[in-house]
């Protein structure tokens, strides 16, 4: 197991329930999706590859659905099937968009406040997302997460490579990405 992969619960797609890849020093300055259109981005996204997290370990068929209410608040629903014992886990939350950032509060075993940077998306096929925050017990360390997501349960190698290129351009490693099992899921994708 890579030394940089952590094993404590800290974040769920974000900061607080899963574990993420730590880096020493400051979070790199990243370029967000230009002219981000939150209305086009809303909907269901399937997790294709991600940095390892304890929350995702042993899970499959992971997807997130984003909706918007009349007051502008974003509804968030994260779903996954746990391989053992094969039951579905659901975490709900809410958030708001500011440019290419989604500020979120997720509810589950704990309350989580976090954000996600949308680095690049074509809205119809893929989105490349990233988060970097100060570690809970160490101001010198930052915890990072990366998610490559698709509107379907699969994504072409070409579009995965495109996300890898976006990560590299922003000084973010793709080395820690692991594929998410989207096989034999009960969905219409």
Protein backbone atom coordinates (compact mmCIF):
# COMPACT_ATOMS: atom_id res chain seq x y z
CA UNK A 1 0.00 0.00 0.00
CA UNK A 2 1.36 3.42 -0.89
CA UNK A 3 2.63 5.38 2.15
CA UNK A 4 0.64 8.46 1.12
CA UNK A 5 -2.69 6.65 1.23
CA UNK A 6 -4.25 7.25 4.61
CA UNK A 7 -6.35 4.93 6.66
CA UNK A 8 -8.41 7.09 9.03
CA UNK A 9 -11.94 8.25 8.35
CA UNK A 10 -11.88 11.92 7.38
CA UNK A 11 -13.99 12.50 4.22
CA UNK A 12 -17.03 11.36 2.16
CA UNK A 13 -16.51 12.66 -1.29
CA UNK A 14 -15.23 15.50 0.69
CA UNK A 15 -13.79 16.42 4.04
CA UNK A 16 -14.91 14.60 7.13
CA UNK A 17 -15.83 10.97 6.38
CA UNK A 18 -13.25 9.66 3.92
CA UNK A 19 -9.57 9.53 3.99
CA UNK A 20 -7.55 11.26 1.31
CA UNK A 21 -4.06 11.72 -0.07
CA UNK A 22 -2.03 14.08 2.14
CA UNK A 23 0.41 16.64 0.75
CA UNK A 24 2.85 18.82 2.67
CA UNK A 25 2.62 22.56 2.17
CA UNK A 26 0.04 24.64 0.40
CA UNK A 27 -2.69 23.40 -1.89
CA UNK A 28 -1.73 24.17 -5.48
CA UNK A 29 -3.56 26.99 -7.21
CA UNK A 30 -5.85 25.33 -9.75
CA UNK A 31 -7.77 26.51 -12.80
CA UNK A 32 -11.52 25.98 -12.55
CA UNK A 33 -13.92 25.28 -15.42
CA UNK A 34 -14.25 28.52 -17.40
CA UNK A 35 -17.79 29.95 -17.64
CA UNK A 36 -19.10 27.20 -15.37
CA UNK A 37 -22.83 26.55 -15.91
CA UNK A 38 -24.24 24.96 -12.77
CA UNK A 39 -27.59 24.19 -14.43
CA UNK A 40 -25.89 22.02 -17.07
CA UNK A 41 -23.77 20.30 -14.40
CA UNK A 42 -26.72 19.24 -12.22
CA UNK A 43 -27.96 15.67 -12.49
CA UNK A 44 -26.47 12.27 -11.80
CA UNK A 45 -22.75 11.52 -12.03
CA UNK A 46 -21.15 8.07 -11.71
CA UNK A 47 -17.78 7.79 -10.01
CA UNK A 48 -15.28 6.25 -12.45
CA UNK A 49 -11.94 6.80 -10.67
CA UNK A 50 -11.06 8.42 -7.35
CA UNK A 51 -8.33 8.77 -4.78
CA UNK A 52 -8.70 5.97 -2.26
CA UNK A 53 -10.89 6.78 0.73
CA UNK A 54 -12.06 4.60 3.58
CA UNK A 55 -15.65 5.54 2.79
CA UNK A 56 -15.36 4.18 -0.76
CA UNK A 57 -13.44 1.04 0.25
CA UNK A 58 -15.53 -2.04 -0.32
CA UNK A 59 -18.12 -0.04 -2.22
CA UNK A 60 -19.32 -0.16 -5.81
CA UNK A 61 -21.97 1.45 -8.01
CA UNK A 62 -21.12 4.86 -6.54
CA UNK A 63 -23.02 7.82 -7.90
CA UNK A 64 -24.04 11.30 -6.87
CA UNK A 65 -27.15 13.21 -7.85
CA UNK A 66 -27.28 17.00 -7.69
CA UNK A 67 -30.60 18.89 -7.88
CA UNK A 68 -31.54 22.52 -7.34
CA UNK A 69 -34.52 23.79 -5.35
CA UNK A 70 -36.47 26.97 -6.05
CA UNK A 71 -34.41 28.87 -3.45
CA UNK A 72 -31.18 27.96 -5.31
CA UNK A 73 -29.94 25.43 -2.75
CA UNK A 74 -28.29 22.34 -4.26
CA UNK A 75 -29.55 18.97 -3.03
CA UNK A 76 -26.89 16.25 -2.90
CA UNK A 77 -27.44 12.50 -2.71
CA UNK A 78 -24.45 10.13 -2.65
CA UNK A 79 -25.28 6.44 -3.14
CA UNK A 80 -23.17 3.30 -3.15
CA UNK A 81 -23.59 -0.43 -2.74
CA UNK A 82 -21.41 -1.96 -0.04
CA UNK A 83 -19.85 -5.23 -1.20
CA UNK A 84 -20.26 -6.62 2.31
CA UNK A 85 -23.12 -7.08 3.14
CA UNK A 86 -24.38 -5.84 -0.25
CA UNK A 87 -26.58 -3.07 1.09
CA UNK A 88 -26.92 0.44 -0.26
CA UNK A 89 -25.51 3.42 1.63
CA UNK A 90 -27.01 6.86 1.08
CA UNK A 91 -25.67 10.19 2.30
CA UNK A 92 -27.67 13.36 1.78
CA UNK A 93 -26.53 16.93 1.84
CA UNK A 94 -26.93 20.39 0.44
CA UNK A 95 -24.71 22.99 -1.12
CA UNK A 96 -24.31 26.16 -3.14
CA UNK A 97 -22.27 26.92 -6.25
CA UNK A 98 -19.85 29.82 -6.52
CA UNK A 99 -18.28 29.88 -9.97
CA UNK A 100 -16.66 26.44 -10.42
CA UNK A 101 -16.77 25.57 -6.72
CA UNK A 102 -19.46 23.59 -4.93
CA UNK A 103 -19.62 24.34 -1.20
CA UNK A 104 -21.27 21.37 0.51
CA UNK A 105 -22.64 20.12 3.79
CA UNK A 106 -23.10 16.35 3.90
CA UNK A 107 -25.04 14.49 6.56
CA UNK A 108 -24.30 10.94 7.58
CA UNK A 109 -22.49 9.63 10.60
CA UNK A 110 -21.11 13.14 11.04
CA UNK A 111 -21.75 16.62 9.67
CA UNK A 112 -19.32 17.61 6.94
CA UNK A 113 -18.62 21.04 5.49
CA UNK A 114 -16.41 21.06 2.42
CA UNK A 115 -16.01 22.15 -1.16
CA UNK A 116 -15.24 20.64 -4.53
CA UNK A 117 -13.45 22.40 -7.39
CA UNK A 118 -14.81 21.52 -10.82
CA UNK A 119 -11.59 21.60 -12.84
CA UNK A 120 -13.12 20.63 -16.16
CA UNK A 121 -16.38 19.27 -17.52
CA UNK A 122 -18.19 18.98 -20.82
CA UNK A 123 -21.48 18.62 -18.83
CA UNK A 124 -22.63 15.68 -21.00
CA UNK A 125 -19.93 13.05 -20.49
CA UNK A 126 -17.33 13.77 -17.82
CA UNK A 127 -16.30 15.98 -14.94
CA UNK A 128 -12.87 16.20 -13.28
CA UNK A 129 -13.17 17.30 -9.64
CA UNK A 130 -10.70 18.01 -6.86
CA UNK A 131 -10.64 19.13 -3.23
CA UNK A 132 -7.75 20.22 -1.03
CA UNK A 133 -8.09 21.25 2.62
CA UNK A 134 -6.00 21.63 5.74
CA UNK A 135 -5.70 18.33 7.60
CA UNK A 136 -7.65 18.21 10.85
CA UNK A 137 -4.65 17.73 13.15
CA UNK A 138 -1.80 19.28 11.18
CA UNK A 139 -1.73 22.79 9.71
CA UNK A 140 1.31 21.85 7.60
CA UNK A 141 -0.48 19.01 5.78
CA UNK A 142 -3.27 19.26 3.24
CA UNK A 143 -5.69 16.46 2.43
CA UNK A 144 -6.59 16.04 -1.23
CA UNK A 145 -9.24 14.16 -3.15
CA UNK A 146 -9.79 13.66 -6.87
CA UNK A 147 -12.87 12.29 -8.62
CA UNK A 148 -13.33 11.49 -12.29
CA UNK A 149 -17.04 11.16 -12.93
CA UNK A 150 -19.26 10.31 -15.90
CA UNK A 151 -22.92 10.66 -16.81
CA UNK A 152 -22.88 6.90 -17.48
CA UNK A 153 -21.36 4.03 -15.54
CA UNK A 154 -18.45 3.93 -17.99
CA UNK A 155 -16.12 6.51 -19.48
CA UNK A 156 -13.89 6.19 -22.52
CA UNK A 157 -10.14 5.90 -22.05
CA UNK A 158 -9.82 9.08 -24.11
CA UNK A 159 -11.90 11.11 -21.63
CA UNK A 160 -10.18 9.56 -18.62
CA UNK A 161 -6.85 10.59 -20.19
CA UNK A 162 -8.28 14.08 -20.71
CA UNK A 163 -8.94 14.30 -16.96
CA UNK A 164 -5.42 13.02 -16.23
CA UNK A 165 -4.07 15.83 -18.44
CA UNK A 166 -6.19 18.40 -16.57
CA UNK A 167 -4.83 17.11 -13.27
CA UNK A 168 -1.24 17.27 -14.52
CA UNK A 169 -1.75 20.81 -15.83
CA UNK A 170 -2.88 21.82 -12.33
CA UNK A 171 -0.02 20.08 -10.52
CA UNK A 172 -2.23 17.26 -9.18
CA UNK A 173 -1.07 13.65 -9.27
CA UNK A 174 -3.15 10.99 -11.02
CA UNK A 175 -0.95 8.30 -9.44
CA UNK A 176 -3.37 7.66 -6.57
CA UNK A 177 -6.52 7.26 -8.66
CA UNK A 178 -8.20 3.87 -8.41
CA UNK A 179 -11.05 2.56 -10.60
CA UNK A 180 -14.51 2.30 -9.06
CA UNK A 181 -16.52 -0.86 -9.76
CA UNK A 182 -19.65 0.07 -11.72
CA UNK A 183 -20.37 -3.50 -12.91
CA UNK A 184 -23.67 -5.30 -12.24
CA UNK A 185 -25.38 -2.22 -10.84
CA UNK A 186 -29.13 -1.76 -10.84
CA UNK A 187 -29.31 1.38 -12.95
CA UNK A 188 -30.39 2.45 -16.39
CA UNK A 189 -27.03 3.58 -17.71
